[in-house]
C-alpha atoms as a PDB file:
ATOM      1  CA  MET A   1     -19.769  28.416 -23.232  1.00  0.00           C
ATOM      2  CA  SER A   2     -22.985  26.079 -23.264  1.00  0.00           C
ATOM      3  CA  THR A   3     -22.135  22.372 -24.591  1.00  0.00           C
ATOM      4  CA  SER A   4     -25.810  21.341 -26.098  1.00  0.00           C
ATOM      5  CA  THR A   5     -25.952  17.052 -26.055  1.00  0.00           C
ATOM      6  CA  PRO A   6     -26.248  15.580 -29.668  1.00  0.00           C
ATOM      7  CA  THR A   7     -30.059  15.543 -30.765  1.00  0.00           C
ATOM      8  CA  VAL A   8     -31.175  13.425 -34.220  1.00  0.00           C
ATOM      9  CA  SER A   9     -32.874  15.310 -36.092  1.00  0.00           C
ATOM     10  CA  ALA A  10     -35.097  16.365 -39.557  1.00  0.00           C
ATOM     11  CA  GLY A  11     -31.657  17.886 -41.026  1.00  0.00           C
ATOM     12  CA  ALA A  12     -29.566  15.960 -39.437  1.00  0.00           C
ATOM     13  CA  PRO A  13     -29.013  13.795 -43.251  1.00  0.00           C
ATOM     14  CA  ILE A  14     -28.647  17.460 -45.198  1.00  0.00           C
ATOM     15  CA  ALA A  15     -25.963  18.330 -42.244  1.00  0.00           C
ATOM     16  CA  GLU A  16     -24.243  15.152 -43.349  1.00  0.00           C
ATOM     17  CA  HIS A  17     -24.340  15.328 -46.796  1.00  0.00           C
ATOM     18  CA  ALA A  18     -22.884  18.806 -46.198  1.00  0.00           C
ATOM     19  CA  ASP A  19     -20.310  18.142 -44.145  1.00  0.00           C
ATOM     20  CA  LEU A  20     -19.844  14.969 -47.060  1.00  0.00           C
ATOM     21  CA  ARG A  21     -19.575  17.301 -49.594  1.00  0.00           C
ATOM     22  CA  ARG A  22     -17.058  19.778 -47.991  1.00  0.00           C
ATOM     23  CA  LEU A  23     -15.087  16.620 -47.952  1.00  0.00           C
ATOM     24  CA  SER A  24     -15.761  15.181 -51.494  1.00  0.00           C
ATOM     25  CA  TRP A  25     -12.080  16.844 -52.347  1.00  0.00           C
ATOM     26  CA  LEU A  26     -10.440  14.721 -49.599  1.00  0.00           C
ATOM     27  CA  PHE A  27     -12.716  11.190 -51.273  1.00  0.00           C
ATOM     28  CA  LEU A  28     -11.432  12.280 -55.121  1.00  0.00           C
ATOM     29  CA  VAL A  29      -7.553  12.519 -54.005  1.00  0.00           C
ATOM     30  CA  LEU A  30      -7.727   9.626 -51.981  1.00  0.00           C
ATOM     31  CA  GLY A  31      -8.829   7.602 -54.827  1.00  0.00           C
ATOM     32  CA  LEU A  32      -7.263   8.773 -56.977  1.00  0.00           C
ATOM     33  CA  VAL A  33      -4.046   8.818 -55.237  1.00  0.00           C
ATOM     34  CA  SER A  34      -5.072   4.580 -54.644  1.00  0.00           C
ATOM     35  CA  MET A  35      -5.499   4.174 -58.096  1.00  0.00           C
ATOM     36  CA  LEU A  36      -1.727   5.192 -58.713  1.00  0.00           C
ATOM     37  CA  ILE A  37      -0.740   3.500 -56.662  1.00  0.00           C
ATOM     38  CA  GLY A  38      -2.526   0.311 -58.511  1.00  0.00           C
ATOM     39  CA  ILE A  39      -1.398   1.482 -61.240  1.00  0.00           C
ATOM     40  CA  LEU A  40       2.460   1.348 -60.574  1.00  0.00           C
ATOM     41  CA  ALA A  41       2.213  -2.692 -58.877  1.00  0.00           C
ATOM     42  CA  ILE A  42       0.752  -2.917 -61.950  1.00  0.00           C
ATOM     43  CA  GLY A  43       3.681  -1.402 -63.347  1.00  0.00           C
ATOM     44  CA  ALA A  44       5.837  -3.496 -61.328  1.00  0.00           C
ATOM     45  CA  PRO A  45       4.789  -6.356 -60.172  1.00  0.00           C
ATOM     46  CA  LEU A  46       7.314  -7.243 -58.087  1.00  0.00           C
ATOM     47  CA  VAL A  47       8.388  -4.392 -55.708  1.00  0.00           C
ATOM     48  CA  ALA A  48       4.287  -4.215 -55.501  1.00  0.00           C
ATOM     49  CA  THR A  49       5.265  -8.395 -54.156  1.00  0.00           C
ATOM     50  CA  THR A  50       7.508  -8.096 -52.478  1.00  0.00           C
ATOM     51  CA  LYS A  51       6.335  -4.833 -50.423  1.00  0.00           C
ATOM     52  CA  SER A  52       2.934  -5.825 -49.690  1.00  0.00           C
ATOM     53  CA  VAL A  53       4.710  -9.129 -48.332  1.00  0.00           C
ATOM     54  CA  ILE A  54       7.279  -7.175 -45.753  1.00  0.00           C
ATOM     55  CA  VAL A  55       3.621  -5.951 -44.942  1.00  0.00           C
ATOM     56  CA  ILE A  56       2.098  -8.987 -44.121  1.00  0.00           C
ATOM     57  CA  GLY A  57       4.408 -10.143 -41.968  1.00  0.00           C
ATOM     58  CA  VAL A  58       4.211  -6.678 -40.500  1.00  0.00           C
ATOM     59  CA  LEU A  59       0.617  -7.102 -40.254  1.00  0.00           C
ATOM     60  CA  LEU A  60       1.444 -10.525 -38.624  1.00  0.00           C
ATOM     61  CA  ILE A  61       3.670  -9.287 -36.253  1.00  0.00           C
ATOM     62  CA  ILE A  62       1.643  -7.214 -35.019  1.00  0.00           C
ATOM     63  CA  ALA A  63      -1.844  -9.127 -34.144  1.00  0.00           C
ATOM     64  CA  GLY A  64       1.212 -11.729 -32.115  1.00  0.00           C
ATOM     65  CA  LEU A  65       2.175  -9.338 -29.880  1.00  0.00           C
ATOM     66  CA  THR A  66      -1.396  -8.060 -29.584  1.00  0.00           C
ATOM     67  CA  GLU A  67      -2.761 -11.373 -28.623  1.00  0.00           C
ATOM     68  CA  ALA A  68       0.271 -12.186 -25.773  1.00  0.00           C
ATOM     69  CA  ILE A  69      -0.560  -8.824 -24.573  1.00  0.00           C
ATOM     70  CA  GLN A  70      -4.204 -10.114 -24.066  1.00  0.00           C
ATOM     71  CA  ALA A  71      -2.874 -13.892 -22.941  1.00  0.00           C
ATOM     72  CA  VAL A  72      -0.619 -11.975 -20.577  1.00  0.00           C
ATOM     73  CA  ILE A  73      -3.967 -10.724 -19.158  1.00  0.00           C
ATOM     74  CA  MET A  74      -6.310 -13.372 -19.407  1.00  0.00           C
ATOM     75  CA  ARG A  75      -3.513 -15.582 -18.172  1.00  0.00           C
ATOM     76  CA  ASN A  76      -5.435 -16.506 -14.731  1.00  0.00           C
ATOM     77  CA  LEU A  77      -8.388 -17.145 -17.090  1.00  0.00           C
ATOM     78  CA  ARG A  78      -9.806 -19.654 -19.761  1.00  0.00           C
ATOM     79  CA  GLY A  79      -8.249 -19.406 -22.587  1.00  0.00           C
ATOM     80  CA  PHE A  80      -4.733 -18.574 -22.072  1.00  0.00           C
ATOM     81  CA  ALA A  81      -3.722 -20.956 -24.079  1.00  0.00           C
ATOM     82  CA  ILE A  82      -5.115 -20.834 -26.841  1.00  0.00           C
ATOM     83  CA  HIS A  83      -4.134 -17.868 -26.738  1.00  0.00           C
ATOM     84  CA  LEU A  84      -0.323 -17.379 -25.841  1.00  0.00           C
ATOM     85  CA  LEU A  85      -1.028 -19.971 -28.624  1.00  0.00           C
ATOM     86  CA  ALA A  86      -1.884 -17.736 -31.015  1.00  0.00           C
ATOM     87  CA  ALA A  87       0.369 -15.392 -30.296  1.00  0.00           C
ATOM     88  CA  ALA A  88       3.231 -17.351 -30.945  1.00  0.00           C
ATOM     89  CA  LEU A  89       2.347 -18.913 -34.144  1.00  0.00           C
ATOM     90  CA  TYR A  90       1.727 -15.160 -36.098  1.00  0.00           C
ATOM     91  CA  LEU A  91       5.005 -14.453 -34.439  1.00  0.00           C
ATOM     92  CA  MET A  92       6.743 -17.133 -35.829  1.00  0.00           C
ATOM     93  CA  VAL A  93       5.111 -16.604 -39.348  1.00  0.00           C
ATOM     94  CA  GLY A  94       4.910 -12.156 -39.700  1.00  0.00           C
ATOM     95  CA  PHE A  95       9.351 -13.179 -39.021  1.00  0.00           C
ATOM     96  CA  PHE A  96       9.548 -15.696 -41.318  1.00  0.00           C
ATOM     97  CA  VAL A  97       7.687 -13.674 -43.736  1.00  0.00           C
ATOM     98  CA  ILE A  98       9.559 -11.233 -42.975  1.00  0.00           C
ATOM     99  CA  GLU A  99      12.927 -12.788 -42.949  1.00  0.00           C
ATOM    100  CA  ASP A 100      12.368 -14.355 -46.505  1.00  0.00           C
ATOM    101  CA  PRO A 101       9.963 -12.410 -47.969  1.00  0.00           C
ATOM    102  CA  ASP A 102      10.215 -14.572 -51.338  1.00  0.00           C
ATOM    103  CA  ARG A 103       9.672 -17.688 -50.155  1.00  0.00           C
ATOM    104  CA  ALA A 104       6.856 -16.412 -48.449  1.00  0.00           C
ATOM    105  CA  ALA A 105       5.460 -14.877 -51.458  1.00  0.00           C
ATOM    106  CA  GLY A 106       5.613 -18.327 -53.044  1.00  0.00           C
ATOM    107  CA  VAL A 107       3.284 -20.057 -50.258  1.00  0.00           C
ATOM    108  CA  ILE A 108       0.671 -16.931 -50.700  1.00  0.00           C
ATOM    109  CA  THR A 109       1.060 -17.396 -54.256  1.00  0.00           C
ATOM    110  CA  LEU A 110       0.132 -21.761 -53.870  1.00  0.00           C
ATOM    111  CA  LEU A 111      -2.563 -20.649 -51.161  1.00  0.00           C
ATOM    112  CA  LEU A 112      -4.078 -17.894 -53.947  1.00  0.00           C
ATOM    113  CA  ALA A 113      -3.950 -20.880 -56.361  1.00  0.00           C
ATOM    114  CA  ALA A 114      -5.916 -23.635 -54.310  1.00  0.00           C
ATOM    115  CA  PHE A 115      -8.377 -20.799 -53.386  1.00  0.00           C
ATOM    116  CA  PHE A 116      -8.921 -20.271 -57.204  1.00  0.00           C
ATOM    117  CA  PHE A 117      -8.967 -23.631 -58.219  1.00  0.00           C
ATOM    118  CA  ALA A 118     -10.891 -24.720 -55.227  1.00  0.00           C
ATOM    119  CA  GLY A 119     -13.699 -21.669 -55.207  1.00  0.00           C
ATOM    120  CA  GLY A 120     -13.825 -21.878 -59.175  1.00  0.00           C
ATOM    121  CA  VAL A 121     -15.121 -25.591 -58.892  1.00  0.00           C
ATOM    122  CA  LEU A 122     -17.042 -25.565 -55.981  1.00  0.00           C
ATOM    123  CA  ARG A 123     -19.193 -22.764 -58.281  1.00  0.00           C
ATOM    124  CA  ILE A 124     -18.951 -24.225 -61.198  1.00  0.00           C
ATOM    125  CA  GLY A 125     -20.639 -27.261 -59.429  1.00  0.00           C
ATOM    126  CA  TYR A 126     -23.310 -25.571 -57.614  1.00  0.00           C
ATOM    127  CA  ALA A 127     -24.707 -23.269 -60.827  1.00  0.00           C
ATOM    128  CA  LEU A 128     -24.650 -26.617 -62.915  1.00  0.00           C
ATOM    129  CA  VAL A 129     -26.862 -28.474 -60.233  1.00  0.00           C
ATOM    130  CA  GLU A 130     -28.332 -26.234 -58.769  1.00  0.00           C
ATOM    131  CA  ARG A 131     -29.449 -23.830 -62.147  1.00  0.00           C
ATOM    132  CA  PHE A 132     -30.706 -21.254 -60.015  1.00  0.00           C
ATOM    133  CA  PRO A 133     -31.812 -17.719 -61.907  1.00  0.00           C
ATOM    134  CA  ALA A 134     -28.709 -16.166 -62.580  1.00  0.00           C
ATOM    135  CA  TRP A 135     -27.275 -19.225 -62.390  1.00  0.00           C
ATOM    136  CA  PRO A 136     -25.387 -18.698 -65.600  1.00  0.00           C
ATOM    137  CA  TRP A 137     -23.283 -15.767 -63.899  1.00  0.00           C
ATOM    138  CA  VAL A 138     -22.176 -18.117 -61.105  1.00  0.00           C
ATOM    139  CA  LEU A 139     -20.354 -20.863 -63.615  1.00  0.00           C
ATOM    140  CA  LEU A 140     -19.000 -18.008 -65.207  1.00  0.00           C
ATOM    141  CA  ASN A 141     -17.251 -16.555 -62.170  1.00  0.00           C
ATOM    142  CA  GLY A 142     -16.397 -20.182 -61.244  1.00  0.00           C
ATOM    143  CA  ALA A 143     -14.498 -20.334 -65.014  1.00  0.00           C
ATOM    144  CA  VAL A 144     -12.534 -17.867 -64.502  1.00  0.00           C
ATOM    145  CA  ASP A 145     -11.795 -18.296 -60.623  1.00  0.00           C
ATOM    146  CA  LEU A 146     -10.276 -21.947 -61.780  1.00  0.00           C
ATOM    147  CA  PHE A 147      -8.951 -20.423 -65.010  1.00  0.00           C
ATOM    148  CA  LEU A 148      -7.119 -18.343 -62.381  1.00  0.00           C
ATOM    149  CA  GLY A 149      -5.905 -21.044 -59.743  1.00  0.00           C
ATOM    150  CA  ILE A 150      -4.935 -23.413 -63.144  1.00  0.00           C
ATOM    151  CA  LEU A 151      -2.965 -19.761 -64.730  1.00  0.00           C
ATOM    152  CA  ILE A 152      -1.124 -18.957 -61.254  1.00  0.00           C
ATOM    153  CA  TRP A 153      -0.561 -23.281 -60.323  1.00  0.00           C
ATOM    154  CA  ARG A 154       0.983 -23.693 -63.637  1.00  0.00           C
ATOM    155  CA  GLY A 155       3.301 -20.597 -63.339  1.00  0.00           C
ATOM    156  CA  TRP A 156       4.164 -21.475 -60.280  1.00  0.00           C
ATOM    157  CA  PRO A 157       6.838 -20.625 -59.131  1.00  0.00           C
ATOM    158  CA  GLU A 158       7.852 -17.199 -61.538  1.00  0.00           C
ATOM    159  CA  SER A 159       3.604 -16.192 -60.955  1.00  0.00           C
ATOM    160  CA  LYS A 160       4.758 -16.342 -57.100  1.00  0.00           C
ATOM    161  CA  GLU A 161       7.172 -12.630 -58.489  1.00  0.00           C
ATOM    162  CA  TRP A 162       3.810 -11.459 -60.249  1.00  0.00           C
ATOM    163  CA  VAL A 163       0.853 -12.082 -59.103  1.00  0.00           C
ATOM    164  CA  ILE A 164       0.725 -11.084 -55.433  1.00  0.00           C
ATOM    165  CA  GLY A 165       1.594  -6.973 -56.701  1.00  0.00           C
ATOM    166  CA  LEU A 166      -0.535  -7.911 -60.232  1.00  0.00           C
ATOM    167  CA  PHE A 167      -4.293  -8.662 -57.387  1.00  0.00           C
ATOM    168  CA  VAL A 168      -2.759  -5.552 -55.024  1.00  0.00           C
ATOM    169  CA  GLY A 169      -2.597  -3.479 -58.063  1.00  0.00           C
ATOM    170  CA  ILE A 170      -5.813  -4.679 -59.423  1.00  0.00           C
ATOM    171  CA  GLU A 171      -7.952  -3.749 -56.215  1.00  0.00           C
ATOM    172  CA  LEU A 172      -5.840  -0.208 -55.622  1.00  0.00           C
ATOM    173  CA  ILE A 173      -7.216   0.662 -58.305  1.00  0.00           C
ATOM    174  CA  LEU A 174     -10.745  -1.181 -58.051  1.00  0.00           C
ATOM    175  CA  HIS A 175     -11.012   0.664 -54.511  1.00  0.00           C
ATOM    176  CA  GLY A 176      -9.627   4.062 -55.655  1.00  0.00           C
ATOM    177  CA  TRP A 177     -11.746   4.371 -58.295  1.00  0.00           C
ATOM    178  CA  SER A 178     -14.693   3.298 -55.163  1.00  0.00           C
ATOM    179  CA  TRP A 179     -13.331   6.314 -53.786  1.00  0.00           C
ATOM    180  CA  VAL A 180     -13.444   8.443 -56.763  1.00  0.00           C
ATOM    181  CA  ALA A 181     -16.729   7.645 -58.016  1.00  0.00           C
ATOM    182  CA  PHE A 182     -18.268   8.429 -54.319  1.00  0.00           C
ATOM    183  CA  ALA A 183     -16.512  11.680 -54.162  1.00  0.00           C
ATOM    184  CA  LEU A 184     -18.450  13.182 -57.152  1.00  0.00           C
ATOM    185  CA  MET A 185     -21.641  11.077 -56.476  1.00  0.00           C
ATOM    186  CA  VAL A 186     -21.166  13.464 -53.229  1.00  0.00           C
ATOM    187  CA  ARG A 187     -20.571  16.642 -55.490  1.00  0.00           C
ATOM    188  CA  SER A 188     -23.782  15.611 -57.347  1.00  0.00           C
ATOM    189  CA  PHE A 189     -25.975  15.406 -54.889  1.00  0.00           C
ATOM    190  CA  GLY A 190     -25.229  17.776 -52.787  1.00  0.00           C
ATOM    191  CA  SER A 191     -25.550  20.804 -56.217  1.00  0.00           C
ATOM    192  CA  ALA A 192     -28.865  19.006 -57.585  1.00  0.00           C
ATOM    193  CA  LYS A 193     -30.289  19.656 -53.533  1.00  0.00           C
ATOM    194  CA  GLN A 194     -29.256  23.437 -54.068  1.00  0.00           C
ATOM    195  CA  VAL A 195     -31.179  23.469 -57.229  1.00  0.00           C
END
């Protein structure tokens, strides 16, 4: 059995493209599954919101545990207290989110409304003051963000039942479409090279 160390050669990109072409079916399937889950999330936004909030809670708990481990490792070094405090905050918020996902969804929804509102105001102001070449598009983006912020805020607390699920669904559809487009591009590149 001989072992060889990988080297960079002129043929390396061709080999990578061949590997990607062989895996293109997997990218296509992952993209289609992501799009299907996104459509289901948009169709049942309350369920998607609840599940998404619980996932956020679990991720916060995992982050808290890793911060606690890092605090123990760094117990004799500077930064111990900051890691310990971060661990406590992550764990408290994570347990709160899992304990009461409905209330957590309300808080997250208000944060999203504030994010869109503030982002919209800043984009509109920047576009109107600077007047750079693409300023109308940034102005439109800011107007849409501002509209979304006001829409979410005015609909609160009812909006907490659909906002997160809708946004997660849209993200999953767009993410899935990017994988489908990548798979089709890889397939077409491979077939163009063979001709």
